[in-house]
């Protein structure tokens, strides 16, 4: 009897321990990390720091919720390495679109889920050179093979030369809907519900926790946008022009510094450029300041303009978008500058930009002292007047001009006209 009691007690203990372990295993949370907008350096930094924080909480799984047109392939490759390096279940959930670099990130997870009406594909590189495309295809092929996806279908999303009968079209990039991706094994499930996908993959969990994007990522996405970059460039150049026209350091310079700071800061954080572009730009500004101090317009001014434009172009993602943004900014700046010069005098707020004050002679504003006191006075020529020479009036020698013909030396003269500092005489 005692033996049976011991067996019952041991069994109960084992059941309790099993229940506790099972409860502990099922109580971990699942974290949803959004990957949205352009894939850039800020996206990678955000994911890296977020994953470090989440891993410290012993998550049951991580869902990467993807909605992107793509971005920088070097940053996409680094994100791919982050995902593949995780030793917990990973799910890529395409809730709208996964294009370009988003394809590599999507297939990096162990499981792929696509929402209804979502798409995946169109992963062509820019620039589409043979070297870059070959490297990109190798990235896609390697991950597809690792995760058990069809590498040829994945490569067809990046290369128009790959044709798969019945799936892709000749000369066009492959782009799949959610149902097509499920049919060809590119995704494992079509669903819009977290609970459904977690149950489908037999992942027990406590709660589903959605992670918010970091402020750094949000700001970089806004500031590095080509339209915002163009606006910031325009504001920066206009502020610079206003500062040049106004004495001292004022609002124009302040606005210019803020605008250029946001422009370069946003693009550096987004990974479009390095600090080198800012250094080149600042060097250009210094050369323009030197040119402003030195009379005339020479090498410092020309070099400064070239460096400013070069630094601005290097700060943006592509040369094409940079040239378009710089061109638009310069054109708008030229128009605004013209309007300020032409109509600035009508506004009391722009008095420092456009000079509207008239300094009249009768009010005492003279460039040279007037000699009206000699008008009508008589004297004698000290030298010949041909037509200029020297005369003497009341014992004072003066420069004078003949108001007619040649006047010899030691000839009596009379002042007949005075124009500012000029004295006109005739013999009498």
Protein backbone atom coordinates (compact mmCIF):
# COMPACT_ATOMS: atom_id res chain seq x y z
CA UNK A 1 0.00 0.00 0.00
CA UNK A 2 2.78 2.36 0.91
CA UNK A 3 4.45 1.58 -2.37
CA UNK A 4 1.36 2.62 -4.29
CA UNK A 5 1.08 5.87 -2.34
CA UNK A 6 4.67 6.70 -3.25
CA UNK A 7 3.96 6.00 -6.91
CA UNK A 8 0.90 8.25 -6.84
CA UNK A 9 2.81 11.07 -5.14
CA UNK A 10 5.69 10.80 -7.63
CA UNK A 11 3.23 10.79 -10.54
CA UNK A 12 1.47 13.90 -9.23
CA UNK A 13 4.81 15.65 -8.80
CA UNK A 14 5.81 14.78 -12.35
CA UNK A 15 2.46 16.02 -13.67
CA UNK A 16 2.84 19.30 -11.79
CA UNK A 17 6.36 19.79 -13.04
CA UNK A 18 5.26 18.97 -16.58
CA UNK A 19 2.40 21.45 -16.34
CA UNK A 20 4.71 24.16 -14.99
CA UNK A 21 7.21 23.57 -17.81
CA UNK A 22 4.46 23.51 -20.42
CA UNK A 23 2.98 26.71 -19.00
CA UNK A 24 6.40 28.37 -19.02
CA UNK A 25 7.00 27.29 -22.58
CA UNK A 26 3.68 28.69 -23.72
CA UNK A 27 3.87 31.98 -21.84
CA UNK A 28 6.55 33.65 -23.99
CA UNK A 29 5.44 36.56 -26.16
CA UNK A 30 5.58 36.90 -29.94
CA UNK A 31 6.94 40.24 -31.17
CA UNK A 32 5.88 41.96 -34.40
CA UNK A 33 8.55 44.23 -35.87
CA UNK A 34 7.49 46.51 -38.76
CA UNK A 35 9.79 46.91 -41.77
CA UNK A 36 8.27 49.73 -43.77
CA UNK A 37 9.31 52.32 -46.32
CA UNK A 38 12.79 52.57 -47.78
CA UNK A 39 15.38 50.02 -46.67
CA UNK A 40 18.41 52.04 -45.58
CA UNK A 41 21.05 52.32 -42.88
CA UNK A 42 18.53 53.62 -40.36
CA UNK A 43 16.34 50.56 -40.99
CA UNK A 44 19.24 48.24 -40.23
CA UNK A 45 20.26 50.15 -37.08
CA UNK A 46 16.65 50.13 -35.87
CA UNK A 47 16.26 46.37 -36.44
CA UNK A 48 19.59 45.57 -34.82
CA UNK A 49 18.86 47.50 -31.62
CA UNK A 50 15.25 46.28 -31.52
CA UNK A 51 16.27 42.64 -31.87
CA UNK A 52 18.82 43.02 -29.07
CA UNK A 53 16.09 44.34 -26.77
CA UNK A 54 13.60 41.62 -27.73
CA UNK A 55 16.05 38.74 -27.42
CA UNK A 56 16.67 39.72 -23.80
CA UNK A 57 12.98 38.96 -23.13
CA UNK A 58 13.15 35.34 -24.40
CA UNK A 59 10.53 35.65 -27.16
CA UNK A 60 8.68 32.65 -28.58
CA UNK A 61 8.90 33.97 -32.14
CA UNK A 62 9.38 37.15 -34.15
CA UNK A 63 7.12 38.32 -36.97
CA UNK A 64 8.67 40.81 -39.44
CA UNK A 65 5.74 42.75 -40.89
CA UNK A 66 6.92 43.94 -44.30
CA UNK A 67 5.63 46.74 -46.52
CA UNK A 68 8.38 48.19 -48.70
CA UNK A 69 9.29 49.19 -52.24
CA UNK A 70 12.91 48.27 -51.42
CA UNK A 71 16.05 50.33 -50.92
CA UNK A 72 19.79 49.81 -50.47
CA UNK A 73 20.88 46.24 -51.24
CA UNK A 74 23.90 46.38 -48.92
CA UNK A 75 21.63 47.22 -45.98
CA UNK A 76 19.14 44.53 -47.08
CA UNK A 77 21.98 41.99 -47.01
CA UNK A 78 22.92 43.04 -43.46
CA UNK A 79 19.28 42.72 -42.38
CA UNK A 80 19.17 39.27 -44.00
CA UNK A 81 22.14 38.22 -41.90
CA UNK A 82 20.42 39.48 -38.73
CA UNK A 83 17.31 37.39 -39.43
CA UNK A 84 19.15 34.24 -40.48
CA UNK A 85 21.33 34.46 -37.37
CA UNK A 86 18.32 34.23 -35.01
CA UNK A 87 17.81 30.90 -33.22
CA UNK A 88 14.07 31.37 -32.60
CA UNK A 89 11.16 30.93 -35.05
CA UNK A 90 10.94 33.80 -37.57
CA UNK A 91 8.02 34.70 -39.80
CA UNK A 92 7.96 37.27 -42.59
CA UNK A 93 4.47 38.72 -42.97
CA UNK A 94 3.99 40.67 -46.20
CA UNK A 95 0.98 42.81 -45.36
CA UNK A 96 1.05 44.86 -48.57
CA UNK A 97 4.14 44.56 -50.76
CA UNK A 98 7.70 43.25 -50.69
CA UNK A 99 9.61 44.57 -53.66
CA UNK A 100 13.27 44.91 -54.59
CA UNK A 101 15.35 44.59 -51.38
CA UNK A 102 12.16 43.57 -49.58
CA UNK A 103 12.24 40.21 -51.41
CA UNK A 104 15.56 39.24 -49.82
CA UNK A 105 14.36 40.26 -46.36
CA UNK A 106 11.09 38.35 -46.80
CA UNK A 107 12.61 35.01 -47.77
CA UNK A 108 15.23 35.30 -44.98
CA UNK A 109 12.70 34.19 -42.38
CA UNK A 110 11.94 30.51 -41.81
CA UNK A 111 8.27 31.01 -42.67
CA UNK A 112 6.55 33.42 -45.05
CA UNK A 113 2.95 34.61 -44.76
CA UNK A 114 1.26 36.98 -47.19
CA UNK A 115 -1.87 39.00 -46.61
CA UNK A 116 -4.73 38.88 -49.07
CA UNK A 117 -4.04 41.15 -52.09
CA UNK A 118 -0.35 41.54 -51.19
CA UNK A 119 2.46 41.13 -53.74
CA UNK A 120 6.10 40.11 -53.87
CA UNK A 121 8.69 40.61 -56.62
CA UNK A 122 10.12 43.29 -58.93
CA UNK A 123 13.56 42.98 -57.35
CA UNK A 124 15.69 44.54 -60.08
CA UNK A 125 18.80 46.41 -58.91
CA UNK A 126 19.65 50.05 -59.61
CA UNK A 127 22.10 50.40 -61.30
CA UNK A 128 21.30 47.29 -63.30
CA UNK A 129 24.89 46.47 -64.27
CA UNK A 130 26.05 42.90 -64.83
CA UNK A 131 28.34 43.02 -61.80
CA UNK A 132 25.69 44.31 -59.37
CA UNK A 133 22.95 42.08 -60.77
CA UNK A 134 25.13 38.97 -60.57
CA UNK A 135 25.94 39.69 -56.93
CA UNK A 136 22.28 40.39 -56.11
CA UNK A 137 21.11 37.18 -57.77
CA UNK A 138 23.64 35.21 -55.73
CA UNK A 139 22.21 36.73 -52.51
CA UNK A 140 18.68 35.76 -53.50
CA UNK A 141 19.65 32.29 -54.71
CA UNK A 142 21.63 31.50 -51.56
CA UNK A 143 18.80 32.45 -49.18
CA UNK A 144 16.15 30.74 -51.33
CA UNK A 145 18.13 27.49 -51.19
CA UNK A 146 18.66 27.88 -47.43
CA UNK A 147 14.92 28.35 -46.76
CA UNK A 148 13.68 25.78 -49.26
CA UNK A 149 12.21 28.23 -51.79
CA UNK A 150 12.49 27.83 -55.55
CA UNK A 151 15.69 29.80 -56.39
CA UNK A 152 14.77 30.15 -60.06
CA UNK A 153 11.45 31.81 -59.24
CA UNK A 154 13.17 34.15 -56.78
CA UNK A 155 15.88 35.05 -59.33
CA UNK A 156 13.21 35.72 -61.96
CA UNK A 157 12.01 38.54 -59.72
CA UNK A 158 15.40 40.25 -60.20
CA UNK A 159 16.41 39.42 -63.77
CA UNK A 160 14.29 39.91 -66.89
CA UNK A 161 16.44 37.38 -68.77
CA UNK A 162 15.07 34.52 -66.64
CA UNK A 163 11.94 33.03 -68.17
CA UNK A 164 9.84 30.36 -66.47
CA UNK A 165 7.11 29.00 -68.70
CA UNK A 166 3.67 29.40 -67.19
CA UNK A 167 4.96 31.61 -64.38
CA UNK A 168 6.89 34.61 -65.74
CA UNK A 169 6.74 36.62 -68.96
CA UNK A 170 9.66 37.02 -71.34
CA UNK A 171 11.58 40.24 -70.81
CA UNK A 172 9.67 41.17 -67.64
CA UNK A 173 10.38 40.93 -63.94
CA UNK A 174 8.33 38.39 -62.01
CA UNK A 175 5.83 39.74 -59.53
CA UNK A 176 3.51 37.35 -57.66
CA UNK A 177 0.22 37.84 -55.86
CA UNK A 178 -0.32 36.18 -52.49
CA UNK A 179 -2.23 33.23 -54.00
CA UNK A 180 0.38 32.77 -56.74
CA UNK A 181 3.17 32.86 -54.14
CA UNK A 182 1.33 30.18 -52.13
CA UNK A 183 0.83 28.06 -55.24
CA UNK A 184 4.54 28.15 -56.18
CA UNK A 185 5.82 27.66 -52.63
CA UNK A 186 7.22 31.15 -52.12
CA UNK A 187 4.92 31.66 -49.13
CA UNK A 188 3.46 29.13 -46.68
CA UNK A 189 0.15 30.75 -45.82
CA UNK A 190 -2.21 33.51 -46.94
CA UNK A 191 -3.64 35.23 -43.89
CA UNK A 192 -4.20 38.62 -42.29
CA UNK A 193 -4.42 37.33 -38.72
CA UNK A 194 -1.50 36.87 -36.32
CA UNK A 195 -3.25 34.22 -34.25
CA UNK A 196 -4.11 32.18 -37.32
CA UNK A 197 -0.54 32.17 -38.63
CA UNK A 198 0.93 31.28 -35.22
CA UNK A 199 -1.51 28.40 -34.82
CA UNK A 200 -0.75 27.24 -38.37
CA UNK A 201 2.95 26.96 -37.49
CA UNK A 202 2.20 25.38 -34.08
CA UNK A 203 3.78 28.19 -32.09
CA UNK A 204 2.45 28.49 -28.55
CA UNK A 205 2.66 31.99 -27.06
CA UNK A 206 1.45 34.36 -24.41
CA UNK A 207 0.76 37.67 -26.14
CA UNK A 208 1.39 39.28 -29.50
CA UNK A 209 3.36 42.48 -28.92
CA UNK A 210 3.66 45.05 -31.72
CA UNK A 211 6.87 47.08 -31.70
CA UNK A 212 6.80 50.74 -32.72
CA UNK A 213 9.31 52.21 -35.13
CA UNK A 214 12.09 54.29 -33.60
CA UNK A 215 12.13 58.08 -33.93
CA UNK A 216 15.47 57.90 -35.74
CA UNK A 217 13.97 55.71 -38.47
CA UNK A 218 10.89 57.89 -38.86
CA UNK A 219 12.94 61.10 -39.11
CA UNK A 220 15.45 59.64 -41.55
CA UNK A 221 12.64 58.37 -43.77
CA UNK A 222 11.07 61.83 -43.87
CA UNK A 223 14.26 63.87 -44.26
CA UNK A 224 15.83 61.56 -46.86
CA UNK A 225 12.71 61.67 -49.03
CA UNK A 226 13.70 63.26 -52.40
CA UNK A 227 10.86 65.81 -52.20
CA UNK A 228 11.77 66.85 -48.66
CA UNK A 229 15.47 66.95 -49.60
CA UNK A 230 14.68 69.29 -52.49
CA UNK A 231 12.64 71.53 -50.18
CA UNK A 232 15.43 71.63 -47.58
CA UNK A 233 18.01 72.44 -50.26
CA UNK A 234 15.85 75.28 -51.58
CA UNK A 235 15.34 76.74 -48.10
CA UNK A 236 19.06 76.40 -47.40
CA UNK A 237 20.10 78.19 -50.61
CA UNK A 238 17.50 80.97 -50.20
CA UNK A 239 18.63 81.50 -46.59
CA UNK A 240 22.23 81.68 -47.80
CA UNK A 241 21.32 84.33 -50.41
CA UNK A 242 19.45 86.40 -47.79
CA UNK A 243 22.45 86.18 -45.46
CA UNK A 244 24.78 87.40 -48.23
CA UNK A 245 22.53 90.42 -48.88
CA UNK A 246 22.17 91.39 -45.22
CA UNK A 247 24.89 92.77 -42.93
CA UNK A 248 26.14 90.66 -40.05
CA UNK A 249 24.72 87.25 -39.14
CA UNK A 250 20.94 87.04 -38.98
CA UNK A 251 17.84 85.00 -39.72
CA UNK A 252 18.97 84.06 -43.23
CA UNK A 253 22.10 82.35 -41.96
CA UNK A 254 20.20 80.63 -39.15
CA UNK A 255 17.57 79.23 -41.52
CA UNK A 256 20.27 78.13 -43.93
CA UNK A 257 22.23 76.25 -41.25
CA UNK A 258 19.10 74.49 -39.96
CA UNK A 259 17.95 73.48 -43.46
CA UNK A 260 21.35 72.18 -44.57
CA UNK A 261 21.82 70.46 -41.19
CA UNK A 262 18.53 68.57 -41.60
CA UNK A 263 19.37 67.75 -45.22
CA UNK A 264 22.80 66.27 -44.50
CA UNK A 265 21.79 64.74 -41.16
CA UNK A 266 18.80 62.93 -42.66
CA UNK A 267 20.76 61.51 -45.58
CA UNK A 268 23.70 60.46 -43.38
CA UNK A 269 21.40 58.65 -40.93
CA UNK A 270 19.53 57.04 -43.83
CA UNK A 271 22.82 55.72 -45.18
CA UNK A 272 22.69 57.68 -48.45
CA UNK A 273 25.99 59.40 -47.71
CA UNK A 274 28.93 59.71 -45.33
CA UNK A 275 30.37 62.64 -43.37
CA UNK A 276 32.67 63.25 -46.36
CA UNK A 277 29.84 64.93 -48.28
CA UNK A 278 29.24 67.36 -45.41
CA UNK A 279 32.99 68.11 -45.17
CA UNK A 280 33.11 68.91 -48.91
CA UNK A 281 30.05 71.15 -48.59
CA UNK A 282 31.46 73.08 -45.60
CA UNK A 283 34.78 73.53 -47.44
CA UNK A 284 32.84 75.07 -50.32
CA UNK A 285 31.11 77.50 -47.96
CA UNK A 286 34.46 78.52 -46.44
CA UNK A 287 35.85 79.24 -49.91
CA UNK A 288 32.81 81.41 -50.70
CA UNK A 289 33.40 83.38 -47.49
CA UNK A 290 37.03 83.90 -48.53
CA UNK A 291 35.81 85.05 -51.94
CA UNK A 292 33.48 87.56 -50.29
CA UNK A 293 36.41 89.06 -48.40
CA UNK A 294 38.71 89.28 -51.42
CA UNK A 295 37.71 91.84 -54.11
CA UNK A 296 36.63 90.45 -57.48
CA UNK A 297 35.58 86.90 -58.30
CA UNK A 298 38.26 84.27 -58.77
CA UNK A 299 39.40 80.77 -57.95
CA UNK A 300 38.03 80.59 -54.36
CA UNK A 301 34.53 81.54 -55.54
CA UNK A 302 34.47 79.10 -58.46
CA UNK A 303 35.93 76.30 -56.33
CA UNK A 304 33.43 77.04 -53.54
CA UNK A 305 30.44 76.76 -55.86
CA UNK A 306 31.74 73.50 -57.34
CA UNK A 307 32.36 71.97 -53.88
CA UNK A 308 28.94 73.02 -52.58
CA UNK A 309 27.20 71.36 -55.53
CA UNK A 310 29.46 68.28 -55.31
CA UNK A 311 28.84 67.88 -51.56
CA UNK A 312 25.10 68.19 -52.09
CA UNK A 313 25.06 65.57 -54.85
CA UNK A 314 27.18 63.14 -52.82
CA UNK A 315 24.79 63.46 -49.89
CA UNK A 316 21.87 61.91 -51.76
CA UNK A 317 21.11 58.31 -52.65
CA UNK A 318 21.61 58.40 -56.42
CA UNK A 319 23.27 60.82 -58.82
CA UNK A 320 20.08 61.13 -60.86
CA UNK A 321 17.86 62.13 -57.93
CA UNK A 322 20.63 64.40 -56.62
CA UNK A 323 20.98 66.26 -59.93
CA UNK A 324 17.22 66.68 -60.20
CA UNK A 325 16.94 67.99 -56.62
CA UNK A 326 19.90 70.36 -56.96
CA UNK A 327 18.64 71.68 -60.31
CA UNK A 328 15.16 72.33 -58.95
CA UNK A 329 16.58 73.98 -55.81
CA UNK A 330 18.86 76.27 -57.84
CA UNK A 331 16.07 77.28 -60.23
CA UNK A 332 13.63 78.04 -57.40
CA UNK A 333 16.35 79.93 -55.50
CA UNK A 334 17.13 82.04 -58.59
CA UNK A 335 13.44 82.89 -59.02
CA UNK A 336 13.00 83.81 -55.35
CA UNK A 337 16.18 85.91 -55.39
CA UNK A 338 14.95 87.82 -58.44
CA UNK A 339 11.59 88.47 -56.80
CA UNK A 340 13.27 89.65 -53.59
CA UNK A 341 15.47 92.10 -55.48
CA UNK A 342 12.58 93.37 -57.57
CA UNK A 343 9.78 93.60 -55.03
CA UNK A 344 11.56 93.42 -51.66
CA UNK A 345 11.42 97.20 -51.20
CA UNK A 346 7.63 97.04 -50.91
CA UNK A 347 7.79 95.00 -47.73
CA UNK A 348 8.92 96.53 -44.42
CA UNK A 349 10.26 93.12 -43.40
CA UNK A 350 12.72 92.99 -46.31
CA UNK A 351 14.33 96.43 -45.95
CA UNK A 352 17.69 94.85 -45.12
CA UNK A 353 17.65 92.79 -48.30
CA UNK A 354 16.75 95.54 -50.79
CA UNK A 355 18.13 99.08 -50.36
CA UNK A 356 15.26 101.52 -50.77
CA UNK A 357 16.70 104.57 -48.96
CA UNK A 358 17.47 107.60 -51.18
CA UNK A 359 20.39 109.82 -50.11
CA UNK A 360 19.87 113.19 -51.75
CA UNK A 361 22.43 115.97 -52.25
CA UNK A 362 20.12 118.60 -50.75
CA UNK A 363 19.92 116.54 -47.56
CA UNK A 364 23.69 116.61 -47.19
CA UNK A 365 24.54 113.19 -48.72
CA UNK A 366 27.48 113.86 -51.06
CA UNK A 367 30.08 111.47 -52.38
CA UNK A 368 32.67 114.31 -52.50
CA UNK A 369 32.78 117.80 -50.91
CA UNK A 370 31.00 120.44 -53.04
CA UNK A 371 32.96 123.51 -54.29
CA UNK A 372 29.99 125.79 -54.95
CA UNK A 373 31.67 128.63 -52.96
CA UNK A 374 34.02 129.27 -55.90
CA UNK A 375 31.21 129.90 -58.41
CA UNK A 376 31.67 133.40 -59.98
CA UNK A 377 35.05 134.02 -58.40
CA UNK A 378 38.06 135.26 -60.36
CA UNK A 379 41.63 134.02 -60.36
CA UNK A 380 44.61 133.20 -62.56
CA UNK A 381 45.92 130.06 -64.27
CA UNK A 382 49.04 128.62 -62.66
CA UNK A 383 49.49 126.13 -65.47
CA UNK A 384 48.08 125.65 -68.93
CA UNK A 385 44.53 124.21 -69.13
CA UNK A 386 44.41 121.49 -71.84
CA UNK A 387 41.55 121.32 -70.76
CA UNK A 388 42.62 120.46 -67.17
CA UNK A 389 45.19 122.32 -65.17
CA UNK A 390 45.82 124.31 -62.00
CA UNK A 391 44.38 127.68 -61.10
CA UNK A 392 44.75 130.01 -58.11
CA UNK A 393 41.84 131.76 -56.39
CA UNK A 394 42.33 133.85 -53.24
CA UNK A 395 45.79 132.40 -52.83
CA UNK A 396 44.53 128.76 -52.96
CA UNK A 397 45.55 126.39 -55.73
CA UNK A 398 42.78 124.28 -57.25
CA UNK A 399 42.31 121.74 -60.04
CA UNK A 400 40.13 123.14 -62.82
CA UNK A 401 38.86 122.46 -66.32
CA UNK A 402 38.57 124.85 -69.23
CA UNK A 403 34.95 125.45 -70.22
CA UNK A 404 36.00 126.18 -73.76
CA UNK A 405 39.29 126.26 -75.60
CA UNK A 406 42.89 126.08 -74.44
CA UNK A 407 43.85 128.64 -71.76
CA UNK A 408 47.57 129.64 -71.44
CA UNK A 409 49.49 129.97 -68.18
CA UNK A 410 49.16 133.27 -66.17
CA UNK A 411 45.79 134.07 -67.79
CA UNK A 412 42.99 135.75 -65.78
CA UNK A 413 40.00 133.36 -65.42
CA UNK A 414 36.53 133.29 -63.90
CA UNK A 415 34.64 130.29 -62.49
CA UNK A 416 31.52 129.84 -64.62
CA UNK A 417 30.28 126.42 -63.43
CA UNK A 418 30.74 123.99 -60.55
CA UNK A 419 29.69 120.31 -60.69
CA UNK A 420 30.42 118.67 -57.39
CA UNK A 421 34.20 118.76 -57.06
CA UNK A 422 34.78 119.90 -60.65
CA UNK A 423 35.45 123.63 -61.34
CA UNK A 424 34.92 124.97 -64.88
CA UNK A 425 36.58 128.31 -65.85
CA UNK A 426 36.81 130.74 -68.74
CA UNK A 427 39.30 133.49 -69.52
CA UNK A 428 38.04 137.09 -69.19
